[in-house]
């Protein structure tokens, strides 16, 4: 089952974006922390590409200064929508609970 935009943003609030520590991607949804880490690493790359397209004088040294403008529910939802297969599958038990 795919996450809703609200669930995805809730997940984003639970992790430390850009962290090198897997433990910073543990979440209350029970989604595999390695999957979460990979997904959000991709989101950072996605945000960087948008910055390069939208900011004429962007350079990598300004990345973390500019990131807050790109780290929002809408941009994250755009990134999530790029996938044909769910990159953040909920554990099976939780999917069954939601279906009931």
PDB file of N, CA and C in Angstrom:
ATOM      1  N   UNK A   1       0.836  -1.173   0.000  1.00  0.00           N
ATOM      2  CA  UNK A   1       0.000   0.000   0.000  1.00  0.00           C
ATOM      3  C   UNK A   1       0.891   1.251   0.000  1.00  0.00           C
ATOM      4  N   UNK A   2       0.512   2.216  -0.802  1.00  0.00           N
ATOM      5  CA  UNK A   2       1.236   3.481  -0.892  1.00  0.00           C
ATOM      6  C   UNK A   2       0.830   4.392   0.267  1.00  0.00           C
ATOM      7  N   UNK A   3       1.742   5.234   0.668  1.00  0.00           N
ATOM      8  CA  UNK A   3       1.456   6.212   1.711  1.00  0.00           C
ATOM      9  C   UNK A   3       0.641   7.367   1.135  1.00  0.00           C
ATOM     10  N   UNK A   4      -0.132   8.010   1.978  1.00  0.00           N
ATOM     11  CA  UNK A   4      -0.796   9.246   1.585  1.00  0.00           C
ATOM     12  C   UNK A   4       0.220  10.384   1.721  1.00  0.00           C
ATOM     13  N   UNK A   5      -0.122  11.547   1.192  1.00  0.00           N
ATOM     14  CA  UNK A   5       0.787  12.683   1.322  1.00  0.00           C
ATOM     15  C   UNK A   5       0.992  13.036   2.796  1.00  0.00           C
ATOM     16  N   UNK A   6      -0.056  12.950   3.580  1.00  0.00           N
ATOM     17  CA  UNK A   6       0.056  13.256   5.009  1.00  0.00           C
ATOM     18  C   UNK A   6       0.971  12.250   5.707  1.00  0.00           C
ATOM     19  N   UNK A   7       0.817  10.962   5.404  1.00  0.00           N
ATOM     20  CA  UNK A   7       1.674   9.937   6.008  1.00  0.00           C
ATOM     21  C   UNK A   7       3.130  10.136   5.594  1.00  0.00           C
ATOM     22  N   UNK A   8       3.343  10.480   4.327  1.00  0.00           N
ATOM     23  CA  UNK A   8       4.704  10.681   3.831  1.00  0.00           C
ATOM     24  C   UNK A   8       5.368  11.847   4.563  1.00  0.00           C
ATOM     25  N   UNK A   9       4.636  12.922   4.766  1.00  0.00           N
ATOM     26  CA  UNK A   9       5.201  14.071   5.468  1.00  0.00           C
ATOM     27  C   UNK A   9       5.440  13.742   6.945  1.00  0.00           C
ATOM     28  N   UNK A  10       4.550  12.945   7.529  1.00  0.00           N
ATOM     29  CA  UNK A  10       4.755  12.494   8.905  1.00  0.00           C
ATOM     30  C   UNK A  10       6.045  11.677   9.000  1.00  0.00           C
ATOM     31  N   UNK A  11       6.246  10.794   8.033  1.00  0.00           N
ATOM     32  CA  UNK A  11       7.482  10.011   7.988  1.00  0.00           C
ATOM     33  C   UNK A  11       8.683  10.937   7.892  1.00  0.00           C
ATOM     34  N   UNK A  12       8.607  11.947   7.047  1.00  0.00           N
ATOM     35  CA  UNK A  12       9.724  12.888   6.893  1.00  0.00           C
ATOM     36  C   UNK A  12      10.048  13.562   8.225  1.00  0.00           C
ATOM     37  N   UNK A  13       9.051  13.881   9.003  1.00  0.00           N
ATOM     38  CA  UNK A  13       9.258  14.546  10.279  1.00  0.00           C
ATOM     39  C   UNK A  13       9.908  13.621  11.306  1.00  0.00           C
ATOM     40  N   UNK A  14       9.829  12.322  11.079  1.00  0.00           N
ATOM     41  CA  UNK A  14      10.365  11.349  12.034  1.00  0.00           C
ATOM     42  C   UNK A  14      11.833  11.002  11.796  1.00  0.00           C
ATOM     43  N   UNK A  15      12.378  11.392  10.678  1.00  0.00           N
ATOM     44  CA  UNK A  15      13.748  10.994  10.338  1.00  0.00           C
ATOM     45  C   UNK A  15      14.677  12.210  10.356  1.00  0.00           C
ATOM     46  N   UNK A  16      15.973  11.930  10.326  1.00  0.00           N
ATOM     47  CA  UNK A  16      16.979  12.991  10.234  1.00  0.00           C
ATOM     48  C   UNK A  16      17.467  12.988   8.790  1.00  0.00           C
ATOM     49  N   UNK A  17      16.972  13.943   8.021  1.00  0.00           N
ATOM     50  CA  UNK A  17      17.288  14.009   6.594  1.00  0.00           C
ATOM     51  C   UNK A  17      18.790  14.176   6.379  1.00  0.00           C
ATOM     52  N   UNK A  18      19.356  13.299   5.561  1.00  0.00           N
ATOM     53  CA  UNK A  18      20.771  13.380   5.232  1.00  0.00           C
ATOM     54  C   UNK A  18      21.699  12.720   6.242  1.00  0.00           C
ATOM     55  N   UNK A  19      21.151  12.060   7.229  1.00  0.00           N
ATOM     56  CA  UNK A  19      21.985  11.424   8.246  1.00  0.00           C
ATOM     57  C   UNK A  19      22.727  10.220   7.662  1.00  0.00           C
ATOM     58  N   UNK A  20      23.908   9.985   8.173  1.00  0.00           N
ATOM     59  CA  UNK A  20      24.693   8.808   7.787  1.00  0.00           C
ATOM     60  C   UNK A  20      24.361   7.604   8.673  1.00  0.00           C
ATOM     61  N   UNK A  21      23.573   7.830   9.719  1.00  0.00           N
ATOM     62  CA  UNK A  21      23.265   6.772  10.677  1.00  0.00           C
ATOM     63  C   UNK A  21      21.918   6.128  10.369  1.00  0.00           C
ATOM     64  N   UNK A  22      21.930   4.839  10.138  1.00  0.00           N
ATOM     65  CA  UNK A  22      20.692   4.113   9.830  1.00  0.00           C
ATOM     66  C   UNK A  22      19.660   4.283  10.935  1.00  0.00           C
ATOM     67  N   UNK A  23      20.109   4.365  12.169  1.00  0.00           N
ATOM     68  CA  UNK A  23      19.167   4.492  13.290  1.00  0.00           C
ATOM     69  C   UNK A  23      18.341   5.781  13.193  1.00  0.00           C
ATOM     70  N   UNK A  24      18.807   6.762  12.446  1.00  0.00           N
ATOM     71  CA  UNK A  24      18.063   8.012  12.282  1.00  0.00           C
ATOM     72  C   UNK A  24      16.887   7.875  11.315  1.00  0.00           C
ATOM     73  N   UNK A  25      16.694   6.673  10.768  1.00  0.00           N
ATOM     74  CA  UNK A  25      15.601   6.436   9.822  1.00  0.00           C
ATOM     75  C   UNK A  25      14.555   5.469  10.378  1.00  0.00           C
ATOM     76  N   UNK A  26      14.684   5.110  11.652  1.00  0.00           N
ATOM     77  CA  UNK A  26      13.662   4.293  12.306  1.00  0.00           C
ATOM     78  C   UNK A  26      12.393   5.138  12.387  1.00  0.00           C
ATOM     79  N   UNK A  27      11.256   4.502  12.150  1.00  0.00           N
ATOM     80  CA  UNK A  27      10.012   5.260  12.075  1.00  0.00           C
ATOM     81  C   UNK A  27       8.856   4.477  12.677  1.00  0.00           C
ATOM     82  N   UNK A  28       7.791   5.175  13.032  1.00  0.00           N
ATOM     83  CA  UNK A  28       6.630   4.543  13.652  1.00  0.00           C
ATOM     84  C   UNK A  28       5.784   3.742  12.662  1.00  0.00           C
ATOM     85  N   UNK A  29       6.034   3.902  11.369  1.00  0.00           N
ATOM     86  CA  UNK A  29       5.306   3.129  10.365  1.00  0.00           C
ATOM     87  C   UNK A  29       5.853   1.706  10.256  1.00  0.00           C
ATOM     88  N   UNK A  30       7.046   1.491  10.790  1.00  0.00           N
ATOM     89  CA  UNK A  30       7.671   0.180  10.697  1.00  0.00           C
ATOM     90  C   UNK A  30       8.261  -0.100   9.332  1.00  0.00           C
ATOM     91  N   UNK A  31       8.439   0.938   8.523  1.00  0.00           N
ATOM     92  CA  UNK A  31       9.035   0.778   7.196  1.00  0.00           C
ATOM     93  C   UNK A  31      10.525   0.527   7.376  1.00  0.00           C
ATOM     94  N   UNK A  32      11.050  -0.416   6.620  1.00  0.00           N
ATOM     95  CA  UNK A  32      12.460  -0.779   6.705  1.00  0.00           C
ATOM     96  C   UNK A  32      13.335   0.470   6.651  1.00  0.00           C
ATOM     97  N   UNK A  33      14.194   0.615   7.646  1.00  0.00           N
ATOM     98  CA  UNK A  33      15.007   1.825   7.734  1.00  0.00           C
ATOM     99  C   UNK A  33      15.971   1.983   6.566  1.00  0.00           C
ATOM    100  N   UNK A  34      16.421   0.894   5.967  1.00  0.00           N
ATOM    101  CA  UNK A  34      17.294   1.011   4.800  1.00  0.00           C
ATOM    102  C   UNK A  34      16.523   1.555   3.600  1.00  0.00           C
ATOM    103  N   UNK A  35      15.276   1.129   3.452  1.00  0.00           N
ATOM    104  CA  UNK A  35      14.429   1.660   2.379  1.00  0.00           C
ATOM    105  C   UNK A  35      14.164   3.147   2.589  1.00  0.00           C
ATOM    106  N   UNK A  36      13.930   3.526   3.831  1.00  0.00           N
ATOM    107  CA  UNK A  36      13.673   4.929   4.153  1.00  0.00           C
ATOM    108  C   UNK A  36      14.917   5.762   3.871  1.00  0.00           C
ATOM    109  N   UNK A  37      16.072   5.269   4.286  1.00  0.00           N
ATOM    110  CA  UNK A  37      17.335   5.965   4.053  1.00  0.00           C
ATOM    111  C   UNK A  37      17.577   6.161   2.553  1.00  0.00           C
ATOM    112  N   UNK A  38      17.401   5.110   1.783  1.00  0.00           N
ATOM    113  CA  UNK A  38      17.610   5.184   0.333  1.00  0.00           C
ATOM    114  C   UNK A  38      16.644   6.166  -0.310  1.00  0.00           C
ATOM    115  N   UNK A  39      15.385   6.108   0.097  1.00  0.00           N
ATOM    116  CA  UNK A  39      14.372   7.004  -0.453  1.00  0.00           C
ATOM    117  C   UNK A  39      14.738   8.463  -0.187  1.00  0.00           C
ATOM    118  N   UNK A  40      15.104   8.782   1.043  1.00  0.00           N
ATOM    119  CA  UNK A  40      15.386  10.171   1.382  1.00  0.00           C
ATOM    120  C   UNK A  40      16.737  10.651   0.851  1.00  0.00           C
ATOM    121  N   UNK A  41      17.684   9.751   0.654  1.00  0.00           N
ATOM    122  CA  UNK A  41      18.914  10.127  -0.056  1.00  0.00           C
ATOM    123  C   UNK A  41      18.565  10.551  -1.482  1.00  0.00           C
ATOM    124  N   UNK A  42      17.659   9.804  -2.090  1.00  0.00           N
ATOM    125  CA  UNK A  42      17.190  10.162  -3.432  1.00  0.00           C
ATOM    126  C   UNK A  42      16.454  11.486  -3.434  1.00  0.00           C
ATOM    127  N   UNK A  43      15.678  11.728  -2.383  1.00  0.00           N
ATOM    128  CA  UNK A  43      14.968  13.004  -2.281  1.00  0.00           C
ATOM    129  C   UNK A  43      15.950  14.167  -2.231  1.00  0.00           C
ATOM    130  N   UNK A  44      17.044  14.010  -1.508  1.00  0.00           N
ATOM    131  CA  UNK A  44      18.056  15.069  -1.461  1.00  0.00           C
ATOM    132  C   UNK A  44      18.639  15.334  -2.838  1.00  0.00           C
ATOM    133  N   UNK A  45      18.891  14.284  -3.602  1.00  0.00           N
ATOM    134  CA  UNK A  45      19.401  14.451  -4.972  1.00  0.00           C
ATOM    135  C   UNK A  45      18.364  15.134  -5.853  1.00  0.00           C
ATOM    136  N   UNK A  46      17.100  14.738  -5.685  1.00  0.00           N
ATOM    137  CA  UNK A  46      15.994  15.350  -6.420  1.00  0.00           C
ATOM    138  C   UNK A  46      15.921  16.840  -6.110  1.00  0.00           C
ATOM    139  N   UNK A  47      16.006  17.197  -4.839  1.00  0.00           N
ATOM    140  CA  UNK A  47      15.961  18.599  -4.435  1.00  0.00           C
ATOM    141  C   UNK A  47      17.137  19.371  -5.031  1.00  0.00           C
ATOM    142  N   UNK A  48      18.299  18.747  -5.041  1.00  0.00           N
ATOM    143  CA  UNK A  48      19.475  19.411  -5.608  1.00  0.00           C
ATOM    144  C   UNK A  48      19.290  19.684  -7.098  1.00  0.00           C
ATOM    145  N   UNK A  49      18.733  18.727  -7.825  1.00  0.00           N
ATOM    146  CA  UNK A  49      18.479  18.932  -9.257  1.00  0.00           C
ATOM    147  C   UNK A  49      17.501  20.082  -9.474  1.00  0.00           C
ATOM    148  N   UNK A  50      16.469  20.153  -8.635  1.00  0.00           N
ATOM    149  CA  UNK A  50      15.518  21.263  -8.741  1.00  0.00           C
ATOM    150  C   UNK A  50      16.206  22.593  -8.464  1.00  0.00           C
ATOM    151  N   UNK A  51      17.072  22.619  -7.470  1.00  0.00           N
ATOM    152  CA  UNK A  51      17.803  23.846  -7.147  1.00  0.00           C
ATOM    153  C   UNK A  51      18.633  24.304  -8.340  1.00  0.00           C
ATOM    154  N   UNK A  52      19.315  23.375  -8.977  1.00  0.00           N
ATOM    155  CA  UNK A  52      20.157  23.709 -10.125  1.00  0.00           C
ATOM    156  C   UNK A  52      19.336  24.253 -11.277  1.00  0.00           C
ATOM    157  N   UNK A  53      18.104  23.749 -11.442  1.00  0.00           N
ATOM    158  CA  UNK A  53      17.225  24.223 -12.509  1.00  0.00           C
ATOM    159  C   UNK A  53      16.615  25.588 -12.183  1.00  0.00           C
ATOM    160  N   UNK A  54      16.289  25.817 -10.941  1.00  0.00           N
ATOM    161  CA  UNK A  54      15.498  26.981 -10.557  1.00  0.00           C
ATOM    162  C   UNK A  54      16.302  28.164 -10.021  1.00  0.00           C
ATOM    163  N   UNK A  55      17.523  27.927  -9.593  1.00  0.00           N
ATOM    164  CA  UNK A  55      18.332  28.996  -9.005  1.00  0.00           C
ATOM    165  C   UNK A  55      19.531  29.246  -9.913  1.00  0.00           C
ATOM    166  N   UNK A  56      19.523  30.361 -10.629  1.00  0.00           N
ATOM    167  CA  UNK A  56      20.579  30.621 -11.622  1.00  0.00           C
ATOM    168  C   UNK A  56      22.002  30.566 -11.069  1.00  0.00           C
ATOM    169  N   UNK A  57      22.233  31.079  -9.871  1.00  0.00           N
ATOM    170  CA  UNK A  57      23.591  31.119  -9.323  1.00  0.00           C
ATOM    171  C   UNK A  57      23.817  30.067  -8.239  1.00  0.00           C
ATOM    172  N   UNK A  58      23.059  28.977  -8.291  1.00  0.00           N
ATOM    173  CA  UNK A  58      23.199  27.925  -7.288  1.00  0.00           C
ATOM    174  C   UNK A  58      24.567  27.261  -7.374  1.00  0.00           C
ATOM    175  N   UNK A  59      25.151  26.992  -6.200  1.00  0.00           N
ATOM    176  CA  UNK A  59      26.343  26.147  -6.150  1.00  0.00           C
ATOM    177  C   UNK A  59      26.218  25.231  -4.939  1.00  0.00           C
ATOM    178  N   UNK A  60      26.948  24.139  -4.980  1.00  0.00           N
ATOM    179  CA  UNK A  60      26.815  23.107  -3.952  1.00  0.00           C
ATOM    180  C   UNK A  60      27.095  23.618  -2.540  1.00  0.00           C
ATOM    181  N   UNK A  61      27.902  24.635  -2.412  1.00  0.00           N
ATOM    182  CA  UNK A  61      28.224  25.174  -1.094  1.00  0.00           C
ATOM    183  C   UNK A  61      26.985  25.773  -0.417  1.00  0.00           C
ATOM    184  N   UNK A  62      25.990  26.147  -1.210  1.00  0.00           N
ATOM    185  CA  UNK A  62      24.767  26.750  -0.672  1.00  0.00           C
ATOM    186  C   UNK A  62      23.663  25.724  -0.444  1.00  0.00           C
ATOM    187  N   UNK A  63      23.929  24.460  -0.716  1.00  0.00           N
ATOM    188  CA  UNK A  63      22.884  23.437  -0.684  1.00  0.00           C
ATOM    189  C   UNK A  63      22.067  23.464   0.609  1.00  0.00           C
ATOM    190  N   UNK A  64      22.718  23.383   1.749  1.00  0.00           N
ATOM    191  CA  UNK A  64      21.992  23.303   3.013  1.00  0.00           C
ATOM    192  C   UNK A  64      21.359  24.631   3.418  1.00  0.00           C
ATOM    193  N   UNK A  65      21.827  25.735   2.850  1.00  0.00           N
ATOM    194  CA  UNK A  65      21.175  27.023   3.088  1.00  0.00           C
ATOM    195  C   UNK A  65      19.858  27.106   2.326  1.00  0.00           C
ATOM    196  N   UNK A  66      19.818  26.505   1.144  1.00  0.00           N
ATOM    197  CA  UNK A  66      18.647  26.568   0.273  1.00  0.00           C
ATOM    198  C   UNK A  66      17.664  25.431   0.559  1.00  0.00           C
ATOM    199  N   UNK A  67      18.148  24.325   1.104  1.00  0.00           N
ATOM    200  CA  UNK A  67      17.325  23.133   1.309  1.00  0.00           C
ATOM    201  C   UNK A  67      15.988  23.380   2.007  1.00  0.00           C
ATOM    202  N   UNK A  68      15.908  24.209   3.045  1.00  0.00           N
ATOM    203  CA  UNK A  68      14.610  24.378   3.708  1.00  0.00           C
ATOM    204  C   UNK A  68      13.475  24.807   2.762  1.00  0.00           C
ATOM    205  N   UNK A  69      13.792  25.529   1.729  1.00  0.00           N
ATOM    206  CA  UNK A  69      12.767  25.944   0.765  1.00  0.00           C
ATOM    207  C   UNK A  69      12.269  24.778  -0.085  1.00  0.00           C
ATOM    208  N   UNK A  70      13.040  23.715  -0.142  1.00  0.00           N
ATOM    209  CA  UNK A  70      12.684  22.546  -0.954  1.00  0.00           C
ATOM    210  C   UNK A  70      12.222  21.365  -0.115  1.00  0.00           C
ATOM    211  N   UNK A  71      12.475  21.415   1.150  1.00  0.00           N
ATOM    212  CA  UNK A  71      12.109  20.328   2.063  1.00  0.00           C
ATOM    213  C   UNK A  71      10.704  20.588   2.591  1.00  0.00           C
ATOM    214  N   UNK A  72       9.713  20.236   1.763  1.00  0.00           N
ATOM    215  CA  UNK A  72       8.323  20.439   2.162  1.00  0.00           C
ATOM    216  C   UNK A  72       7.462  19.302   1.619  1.00  0.00           C
ATOM    217  N   UNK A  73       6.236  19.243   2.076  1.00  0.00           N
ATOM    218  CA  UNK A  73       5.343  18.136   1.735  1.00  0.00           C
ATOM    219  C   UNK A  73       5.085  18.038   0.226  1.00  0.00           C
ATOM    220  N   UNK A  74       4.977  19.173  -0.450  1.00  0.00           N
ATOM    221  CA  UNK A  74       4.683  19.145  -1.881  1.00  0.00           C
ATOM    222  C   UNK A  74       5.851  18.590  -2.696  1.00  0.00           C
ATOM    223  N   UNK A  75       7.052  19.052  -2.405  1.00  0.00           N
ATOM    224  CA  UNK A  75       8.236  18.555  -3.130  1.00  0.00           C
ATOM    225  C   UNK A  75       8.460  17.080  -2.832  1.00  0.00           C
ATOM    226  N   UNK A  76       8.252  16.695  -1.582  1.00  0.00           N
ATOM    227  CA  UNK A  76       8.422  15.298  -1.206  1.00  0.00           C
ATOM    228  C   UNK A  76       7.398  14.426  -1.926  1.00  0.00           C
ATOM    229  N   UNK A  77       6.184  14.904  -2.032  1.00  0.00           N
ATOM    230  CA  UNK A  77       5.125  14.181  -2.736  1.00  0.00           C
ATOM    231  C   UNK A  77       5.465  14.046  -4.221  1.00  0.00           C
ATOM    232  N   UNK A  78       6.045  15.092  -4.799  1.00  0.00           N
ATOM    233  CA  UNK A  78       6.495  15.033  -6.200  1.00  0.00           C
ATOM    234  C   UNK A  78       7.538  13.930  -6.376  1.00  0.00           C
ATOM    235  N   UNK A  79       8.471  13.848  -5.434  1.00  0.00           N
ATOM    236  CA  UNK A  79       9.514  12.816  -5.501  1.00  0.00           C
ATOM    237  C   UNK A  79       8.901  11.426  -5.388  1.00  0.00           C
ATOM    238  N   UNK A  80       7.999  11.245  -4.451  1.00  0.00           N
ATOM    239  CA  UNK A  80       7.335   9.956  -4.233  1.00  0.00           C
ATOM    240  C   UNK A  80       6.570   9.528  -5.491  1.00  0.00           C
ATOM    241  N   UNK A  81       6.009  10.501  -6.188  1.00  0.00           N
ATOM    242  CA  UNK A  81       5.252  10.232  -7.405  1.00  0.00           C
ATOM    243  C   UNK A  81       6.110   9.811  -8.585  1.00  0.00           C
ATOM    244  N   UNK A  82       7.411   9.886  -8.462  1.00  0.00           N
ATOM    245  CA  UNK A  82       8.319   9.485  -9.547  1.00  0.00           C
ATOM    246  C   UNK A  82       8.479   7.967  -9.649  1.00  0.00           C
ATOM    247  N   UNK A  83       7.978   7.236  -8.682  1.00  0.00           N
ATOM    248  CA  UNK A  83       8.206   5.794  -8.614  1.00  0.00           C
ATOM    249  C   UNK A  83       7.028   5.005  -9.179  1.00  0.00           C
ATOM    250  N   UNK A  84       7.347   3.966  -9.951  1.00  0.00           N
ATOM    251  CA  UNK A  84       6.311   3.063 -10.450  1.00  0.00           C
ATOM    252  C   UNK A  84       5.984   1.989  -9.425  1.00  0.00           C
ATOM    253  N   UNK A  85       6.977   1.604  -8.634  1.00  0.00           N
ATOM    254  CA  UNK A  85       6.780   0.650  -7.545  1.00  0.00           C
ATOM    255  C   UNK A  85       7.016   1.375  -6.233  1.00  0.00           C
ATOM    256  N   UNK A  86       6.251   1.021  -5.230  1.00  0.00           N
ATOM    257  CA  UNK A  86       6.318   1.696  -3.944  1.00  0.00           C
ATOM    258  C   UNK A  86       7.700   1.538  -3.297  1.00  0.00           C
ATOM    259  N   UNK A  87       8.427   2.645  -3.114  1.00  0.00           N
ATOM    260  CA  UNK A  87       9.749   2.565  -2.485  1.00  0.00           C
ATOM    261  C   UNK A  87       9.693   2.454  -0.962  1.00  0.00           C
ATOM    262  N   UNK A  88       8.502   2.677  -0.399  1.00  0.00           N
ATOM    263  CA  UNK A  88       8.339   2.686   1.059  1.00  0.00           C
ATOM    264  C   UNK A  88       7.165   1.795   1.468  1.00  0.00           C
ATOM    265  N   UNK A  89       7.267   0.508   1.199  1.00  0.00           N
ATOM    266  CA  UNK A  89       6.137  -0.363   1.531  1.00  0.00           C
ATOM    267  C   UNK A  89       5.964  -0.525   3.042  1.00  0.00           C
ATOM    268  N   UNK A  90       4.715  -0.458   3.450  1.00  0.00           N
ATOM    269  CA  UNK A  90       4.390  -0.699   4.854  1.00  0.00           C
ATOM    270  C   UNK A  90       4.560  -2.180   5.151  1.00  0.00           C
ATOM    271  N   UNK A  91       4.917  -2.523   6.373  1.00  0.00           N
ATOM    272  CA  UNK A  91       4.993  -3.944   6.734  1.00  0.00           C
ATOM    273  C   UNK A  91       3.634  -4.599   6.504  1.00  0.00           C
ATOM    274  N   UNK A  92       3.639  -5.872   6.148  1.00  0.00           N
ATOM    275  CA  UNK A  92       2.401  -6.573   5.802  1.00  0.00           C
ATOM    276  C   UNK A  92       1.362  -6.509   6.900  1.00  0.00           C
ATOM    277  N   UNK A  93       1.741  -6.663   8.147  1.00  0.00           N
ATOM    278  CA  UNK A  93       0.778  -6.638   9.251  1.00  0.00           C
ATOM    279  C   UNK A  93       0.055  -5.312   9.310  1.00  0.00           C
ATOM    280  N   UNK A  94       0.781  -4.201   9.078  1.00  0.00           N
ATOM    281  CA  UNK A  94       0.160  -2.894   9.126  1.00  0.00           C
ATOM    282  C   UNK A  94      -0.777  -2.691   7.940  1.00  0.00           C
ATOM    283  N   UNK A  95      -0.406  -3.220   6.764  1.00  0.00           N
ATOM    284  CA  UNK A  95      -1.282  -3.138   5.604  1.00  0.00           C
ATOM    285  C   UNK A  95      -2.577  -3.882   5.868  1.00  0.00           C
ATOM    286  N   UNK A  96      -2.499  -5.050   6.498  1.00  0.00           N
ATOM    287  CA  UNK A  96      -3.706  -5.815   6.800  1.00  0.00           C
ATOM    288  C   UNK A  96      -4.595  -5.069   7.785  1.00  0.00           C
ATOM    289  N   UNK A  97      -4.003  -4.396   8.792  1.00  0.00           N
ATOM    290  CA  UNK A  97      -4.775  -3.625   9.758  1.00  0.00           C
ATOM    291  C   UNK A  97      -5.530  -2.490   9.084  1.00  0.00           C
ATOM    292  N   UNK A  98      -4.896  -1.809   8.116  1.00  0.00           N
ATOM    293  CA  UNK A  98      -5.541  -0.707   7.434  1.00  0.00           C
ATOM    294  C   UNK A  98      -6.661  -1.176   6.534  1.00  0.00           C
ATOM    295  N   UNK A  99      -6.553  -2.386   5.983  1.00  0.00           N
ATOM    296  CA  UNK A  99      -7.574  -2.916   5.091  1.00  0.00           C
ATOM    297  C   UNK A  99      -8.826  -3.330   5.859  1.00  0.00           C
ATOM    298  N   UNK A 100      -8.659  -3.645   7.121  1.00  0.00           N
ATOM    299  CA  UNK A 100      -9.800  -4.119   7.935  1.00  0.00           C
ATOM    300  C   UNK A 100     -10.754  -3.015   8.309  1.00  0.00           C
TER     301      UNK A 100
END
